Protein backbone atom coordinates (compact mmCIF):
# COMPACT_ATOMS: atom_id res chain seq x y z
CA MET A 1 -35.32 58.31 7.30
CA ASP A 2 -34.87 59.67 4.33
CA ASP A 3 -31.51 61.55 4.42
CA PRO A 4 -28.77 59.69 4.66
CA ARG A 5 -27.09 62.48 6.63
CA ARG A 6 -29.26 62.24 9.49
CA TYR A 7 -27.61 59.09 10.14
CA TRP A 8 -24.09 60.99 10.48
CA VAL A 9 -25.84 63.48 12.77
CA GLY A 10 -27.30 60.62 15.03
CA PHE A 11 -24.02 59.21 15.47
CA ASN A 12 -22.68 62.71 16.23
CA LEU A 13 -24.70 62.83 19.18
CA VAL A 14 -23.61 59.85 20.76
CA LYS A 15 -21.03 60.66 23.10
CA GLY A 16 -18.10 58.43 22.96
CA ILE A 17 -18.37 58.11 19.22
CA GLY A 18 -15.78 60.15 17.64
CA ALA A 19 -13.54 60.24 14.33
CA ALA A 20 -11.88 56.43 15.34
CA ARG A 21 -15.10 54.62 16.59
CA LEU A 22 -17.38 55.88 13.79
CA ARG A 23 -14.03 55.06 11.21
CA SER A 24 -14.36 51.14 12.84
CA LEU A 25 -18.01 51.26 12.00
CA LEU A 26 -18.47 51.87 8.60
CA ASP A 27 -15.61 49.64 8.34
CA TYR A 28 -17.35 46.68 10.22
CA PHE A 29 -20.95 47.40 8.27
CA GLY A 30 -19.55 48.87 5.20
CA ASP A 31 -21.68 51.96 5.43
CA VAL A 32 -23.68 54.45 8.31
CA GLU A 33 -27.20 53.18 7.12
CA SER A 34 -26.28 49.95 8.18
CA ALA A 35 -24.15 50.86 10.91
CA TRP A 36 -27.35 53.07 12.35
CA ASN A 37 -29.64 50.40 11.66
CA ALA A 38 -27.85 47.51 13.61
CA SER A 39 -28.72 45.90 16.40
CA LEU A 40 -27.59 45.92 19.81
CA ALA A 41 -25.77 43.04 19.94
CA GLU A 42 -24.30 43.85 16.58
CA LEU A 43 -22.88 47.15 17.59
CA GLU A 44 -21.32 45.35 20.81
CA GLN A 45 -19.89 42.86 18.08
CA ALA A 46 -18.26 45.77 15.98
CA GLY A 47 -16.25 46.69 19.06
CA LEU A 48 -18.57 49.27 20.86
CA GLY A 49 -19.30 47.97 24.16
CA SER A 50 -22.84 47.43 25.98
CA LYS A 51 -22.40 50.79 27.37
CA LEU A 52 -22.11 52.72 23.96
CA ALA A 53 -24.60 50.57 21.93
CA LEU A 54 -27.01 51.16 24.68
CA ALA A 55 -26.34 54.90 24.38
CA VAL A 56 -26.71 54.26 20.44
CA GLN A 57 -30.19 52.89 21.19
CA GLN A 58 -31.17 55.87 23.39
CA ILE A 59 -30.60 58.26 20.35
CA ARG A 60 -32.05 56.44 17.85
CA THR A 61 -35.54 55.65 20.23
CA GLY A 62 -35.49 59.27 21.62
CA ASP A 63 -36.34 62.85 20.53
CA LEU A 64 -33.20 64.49 20.33
CA LEU A 65 -32.17 63.33 16.73
CA ALA A 66 -35.62 64.88 15.43
CA HIS A 67 -35.24 68.07 17.44
CA THR A 68 -31.71 68.67 16.22
CA TRP A 69 -32.78 68.16 12.78
CA GLN A 70 -35.55 70.29 13.05
CA GLN A 71 -32.63 72.64 14.14
CA ILE A 72 -30.48 72.24 10.98
CA GLN A 73 -33.23 72.68 8.80
CA ALA A 74 -34.66 75.54 10.47
CA GLY A 75 -31.56 76.59 10.57
CA ALA A 76 -30.42 76.23 6.48
CA ILE A 77 -27.16 74.99 8.10
CA GLY A 78 -25.74 72.70 5.60
CA VAL A 79 -24.34 69.00 6.83
CA LEU A 80 -21.44 67.54 5.22
CA THR A 81 -19.53 64.30 6.02
CA TRP A 82 -16.80 62.18 4.97
CA ASP A 83 -19.39 60.62 2.03
CA ASP A 84 -20.31 64.24 0.46
CA PRO A 85 -17.84 64.96 -2.10
CA ALA A 86 -18.44 68.51 -1.01
CA TYR A 87 -16.15 67.90 2.18
CA PRO A 88 -12.85 70.04 1.86
CA ARG A 89 -10.52 67.62 0.71
CA ARG A 90 -7.46 68.85 2.66
CA LEU A 91 -9.04 68.23 5.84
CA LYS A 92 -10.32 64.70 5.15
CA GLU A 93 -6.30 64.21 4.95
CA ILE A 94 -5.96 64.72 8.42
CA HIS A 95 -5.69 62.22 11.23
CA GLN A 96 -9.17 62.13 12.49
CA SER A 97 -11.09 64.17 10.88
CA PRO A 98 -14.25 65.38 11.78
CA PRO A 99 -16.75 62.81 10.32
CA VAL A 100 -19.72 65.99 9.95
CA LEU A 101 -19.36 69.75 9.57
CA TYR A 102 -21.90 71.86 9.99
CA VAL A 103 -22.02 74.98 7.75
CA ARG A 104 -24.03 78.26 7.17
CA GLY A 105 -23.44 79.98 3.74
CA GLU A 106 -21.43 78.41 0.76
CA LEU A 107 -17.95 76.36 0.39
CA ARG A 108 -16.17 76.57 -3.19
CA GLU A 109 -13.69 74.52 -5.26
CA ALA A 110 -11.46 77.26 -4.80
CA ASP A 111 -11.65 77.47 -0.77
CA GLN A 112 -9.41 74.42 -1.24
CA TRP A 113 -6.55 77.38 -1.80
CA ALA A 114 -6.51 78.94 1.19
CA VAL A 115 -4.74 80.55 4.02
CA ALA A 116 -5.29 80.31 8.05
CA ILE A 117 -4.74 84.28 10.12
CA VAL A 118 -5.31 83.88 13.98
CA GLY A 119 -3.82 85.61 16.54
CA THR A 120 -3.97 87.16 19.51
CA ARG A 121 -7.07 88.65 20.55
CA ARG A 122 -5.79 92.25 22.41
CA ILE A 123 -4.45 93.43 18.78
CA THR A 124 -2.32 96.33 18.60
CA ALA A 125 -2.75 99.13 16.24
CA TYR A 126 0.75 97.40 14.65
CA GLY A 127 -0.89 94.17 14.86
CA GLN A 128 -4.10 95.37 13.05
CA GLN A 129 -2.25 97.10 10.00
CA VAL A 130 -0.03 93.92 9.23
CA THR A 131 -3.40 91.09 9.67
CA ARG A 132 -5.26 93.49 7.23
CA ASP A 133 -2.31 93.92 4.68
CA LEU A 134 -1.83 89.97 4.99
CA ALA A 135 -5.71 89.25 4.69
CA VAL A 136 -6.26 92.03 1.69
CA GLY A 137 -3.41 90.70 -0.48
CA LEU A 138 -4.09 87.18 0.04
CA ALA A 139 -8.04 88.60 -1.20
CA ARG A 140 -7.03 90.04 -3.74
CA GLN A 141 -4.61 87.00 -5.07
CA GLY A 142 -8.12 84.77 -4.73
CA VAL A 143 -6.88 82.86 -1.55
CA THR A 144 -9.37 82.59 0.64
CA VAL A 145 -8.92 84.15 3.84
CA VAL A 146 -9.67 81.11 7.04
CA SER A 147 -10.10 82.42 10.39
CA GLY A 148 -11.70 81.83 13.88
CA LEU A 149 -14.43 84.71 14.43
CA ALA A 150 -12.49 85.78 17.70
CA ARG A 151 -12.23 89.10 18.63
CA GLY A 152 -8.68 90.67 17.40
CA VAL A 153 -6.58 89.38 14.88
CA ASP A 154 -9.48 86.80 13.76
CA GLY A 155 -12.22 89.70 13.13
CA VAL A 156 -10.03 91.95 11.62
CA ALA A 157 -8.98 89.04 9.11
CA HIS A 158 -12.48 88.25 8.34
CA GLN A 159 -13.10 92.01 7.85
CA ALA A 160 -10.26 92.75 5.43
CA ALA A 161 -10.48 90.19 3.31
CA LEU A 162 -14.67 90.79 3.00
CA GLU A 163 -13.62 94.56 2.22
CA ALA A 164 -11.24 93.31 -0.27
CA GLY A 165 -13.78 91.29 -2.34
CA GLY A 166 -12.54 88.14 -1.24
CA ARG A 167 -14.00 84.75 0.38
CA THR A 168 -13.25 84.14 3.78
CA LEU A 169 -14.15 80.89 6.28
CA ALA A 170 -14.78 80.98 9.88
CA VAL A 171 -14.09 77.64 11.94
CA LEU A 172 -16.05 78.30 15.10
CA GLY A 173 -15.65 76.61 18.90
CA SER A 174 -19.37 76.65 18.92
CA GLY A 175 -22.40 75.67 16.89
CA VAL A 176 -22.96 77.85 13.73
CA ASP A 177 -26.40 78.79 15.44
CA ARG A 178 -24.59 80.28 18.18
CA ILE A 179 -22.05 83.10 17.59
CA TYR A 180 -19.34 84.44 19.58
CA PRO A 181 -18.51 87.20 20.19
CA PRO A 182 -21.69 88.59 20.15
CA GLU A 183 -20.54 91.58 18.74
CA HIS A 184 -19.48 89.55 15.58
CA ARG A 185 -23.10 88.50 14.81
CA ARG A 186 -23.37 91.23 11.83
CA LEU A 187 -19.64 89.96 10.79
CA ALA A 188 -20.60 86.29 10.82
CA GLU A 189 -23.53 87.36 8.84
CA GLN A 190 -21.04 89.06 5.99
CA VAL A 191 -18.66 85.90 6.08
CA CYS A 192 -21.29 83.88 5.43
CA SER A 193 -22.61 85.73 2.05
CA GLN A 194 -19.02 85.60 0.92
CA GLY A 195 -17.77 82.17 2.32
CA ALA A 196 -19.22 80.35 4.98
CA LEU A 197 -19.45 79.46 8.76
CA LEU A 198 -17.96 76.01 9.70
CA SER A 199 -18.37 73.99 12.79
CA ASP A 200 -17.63 70.16 13.59
CA TYR A 201 -20.00 71.11 17.04
CA LEU A 202 -23.42 70.48 16.66
CA PRO A 203 -26.11 73.20 16.17
CA GLY A 204 -26.75 74.56 19.55
CA THR A 205 -23.49 74.22 21.08
CA ALA A 206 -22.55 77.02 23.76
CA PRO A 207 -18.57 78.11 23.29
CA GLU A 208 -16.57 77.19 26.27
CA ALA A 209 -13.30 78.53 26.97
């Protein structure tokens, strides 16, 4: 396994291993490669317990990781981890920040200066105007507009930022290859060209309520 990011994706595939457990493993083993290659006994000693240790072993020996990695490569999806200097600094500072971010598009250092605009799906004419004014004003000042690509306020915020020539990031509740709502697929591609789609959900993850 040449690319160390595959170890991170591997752990991301194990249900029950989130930020807290992965941090414990890294503290115990020193790095993600050592944790990934640890024996069952060593994983249990690190505090995983037999059930989770077996789940790690199943991912290591099965085909799911290879299939997921193929999806990532084929979809030109970036993988950012806690170890990556490009991982958003401010996000990393929160409690239990996601160990892995999947990205389509490009994150830039300037995106650290960002404002989120989110709101109702059932937007009024007044709401559209206010959202556009906010997004355009921020974009023209070099502030990245962040939203969720949803119907209503989110979509208007992204579109307004794009039309103003600014940058915008969409944080999804699904895999970055599963665009929802479907009518925002073209908008998603535009976001990729002037920003990025981001998710901590694995590629292929469908949106849920």
